[in-house]
Amino acid sequence: MTDEDRKRIAARIDREFPHQVLLPLKLDADIEEDLIWWLDRRIGRWDMYVDLNQRFIRYCFHDEKDAAAFKLRFVAGTVKVAS
């Protein structure tokens, strides 16, 4: 996959899922398990990609309410939220 391919995919995800939350690349195993459980119940309503420039995973949601619920459940005080 080329850099242009990655940019094109990220741009499509950004358009389709504009409500985004950033989490660090590495999380505690228990948090990752809870996160996967939470996301599995919302298949089709979210997407994600790794933002290598900022060293975060960008979780992207179609619905602002899903992004807010995700943020409330998984974001600690120092993690940035994309606008």
Protein backbone atom coordinates (compact mmCIF):
# COMPACT_ATOMS: atom_id res chain seq x y z
CA MET A 1 0.00 0.00 0.00
CA THR A 2 1.40 3.37 -0.98
CA ASP A 3 1.32 6.55 1.05
CA GLU A 4 -1.24 7.94 -1.41
CA ASP A 5 -3.47 4.90 -0.83
CA ARG A 6 -3.30 5.46 2.93
CA LYS A 7 -4.16 9.15 2.52
CA ARG A 8 -7.10 8.33 0.25
CA ILE A 9 -8.47 5.75 2.71
CA ALA A 10 -8.07 8.14 5.66
CA ALA A 11 -9.83 10.92 3.72
CA ARG A 12 -12.77 8.60 2.92
CA ILE A 13 -13.07 7.55 6.56
CA ASP A 14 -12.91 11.21 7.65
CA ARG A 15 -15.79 12.07 5.29
CA GLU A 16 -17.99 9.12 6.22
CA PHE A 17 -17.26 9.13 9.96
CA PRO A 18 -16.58 12.76 10.95
CA HIS A 19 -16.88 12.40 14.75
CA GLN A 20 -13.47 11.25 15.92
CA VAL A 21 -11.70 10.29 19.13
CA LEU A 22 -7.97 9.65 19.46
CA LEU A 23 -6.52 6.99 21.74
CA PRO A 24 -2.88 5.99 22.24
CA LEU A 25 -1.49 3.13 20.18
CA LYS A 26 -0.98 0.99 23.29
CA LEU A 27 -3.68 0.40 25.87
CA ASP A 28 -4.04 -1.87 28.86
CA ALA A 29 -5.26 -5.36 27.83
CA ASP A 30 -8.45 -5.02 29.91
CA ILE A 31 -9.27 -1.69 28.26
CA GLU A 32 -8.63 -3.15 24.80
CA GLU A 33 -10.97 -6.06 25.53
CA ASP A 34 -13.72 -3.71 26.73
CA LEU A 35 -13.14 -1.44 23.73
CA ILE A 36 -13.49 -4.34 21.28
CA TRP A 37 -16.66 -5.54 23.04
CA TRP A 38 -18.10 -2.00 22.85
CA LEU A 39 -17.22 -1.54 19.16
CA ASP A 40 -18.51 -5.00 18.16
CA ARG A 41 -21.99 -3.90 19.17
CA ARG A 42 -21.81 -0.97 16.76
CA ILE A 43 -20.52 -2.63 13.58
CA GLY A 44 -21.13 -0.41 10.56
CA ARG A 45 -21.38 2.75 12.66
CA TRP A 46 -17.64 3.35 13.07
CA ASP A 47 -14.25 2.95 11.40
CA MET A 48 -10.69 3.58 12.48
CA TYR A 49 -7.15 4.13 11.29
CA VAL A 50 -3.73 4.61 12.79
CA ASP A 51 -2.49 8.19 12.64
CA LEU A 52 1.28 7.61 12.50
CA ASN A 53 2.06 11.33 12.52
CA GLN A 54 0.33 11.83 15.86
CA ARG A 55 0.99 8.25 17.10
CA PHE A 56 -2.66 7.60 17.92
CA ILE A 57 -5.45 5.35 16.75
CA ARG A 58 -8.23 7.48 15.35
CA TYR A 59 -11.67 5.99 16.13
CA CYS A 60 -14.20 7.54 13.78
CA PHE A 61 -17.97 7.52 14.21
CA HIS A 62 -20.86 8.39 11.93
CA ASP A 63 -23.02 9.51 14.83
CA GLU A 64 -21.90 12.20 17.27
CA LYS A 65 -23.69 10.36 20.10
CA ASP A 66 -21.58 7.24 19.54
CA ALA A 67 -18.40 9.33 19.59
CA ALA A 68 -19.49 11.02 22.82
CA ALA A 69 -20.32 7.67 24.46
CA PHE A 70 -16.97 6.23 23.33
CA LYS A 71 -15.13 9.27 24.65
CA LEU A 72 -16.94 9.07 27.98
CA ARG A 73 -16.09 5.40 28.38
CA PHE A 74 -12.49 5.23 27.10
CA VAL A 75 -10.75 8.60 27.10
CA ALA A 76 -8.57 9.51 30.06
CA GLY A 77 -7.90 13.15 30.95
CA THR A 78 -4.79 13.57 28.81
CA VAL A 79 -5.94 11.97 25.56
CA LYS A 80 -6.75 14.39 22.73
CA VAL A 81 -10.13 14.45 21.04
CA ALA A 82 -10.16 15.30 17.32
CA SER A 83 -12.37 18.13 16.17
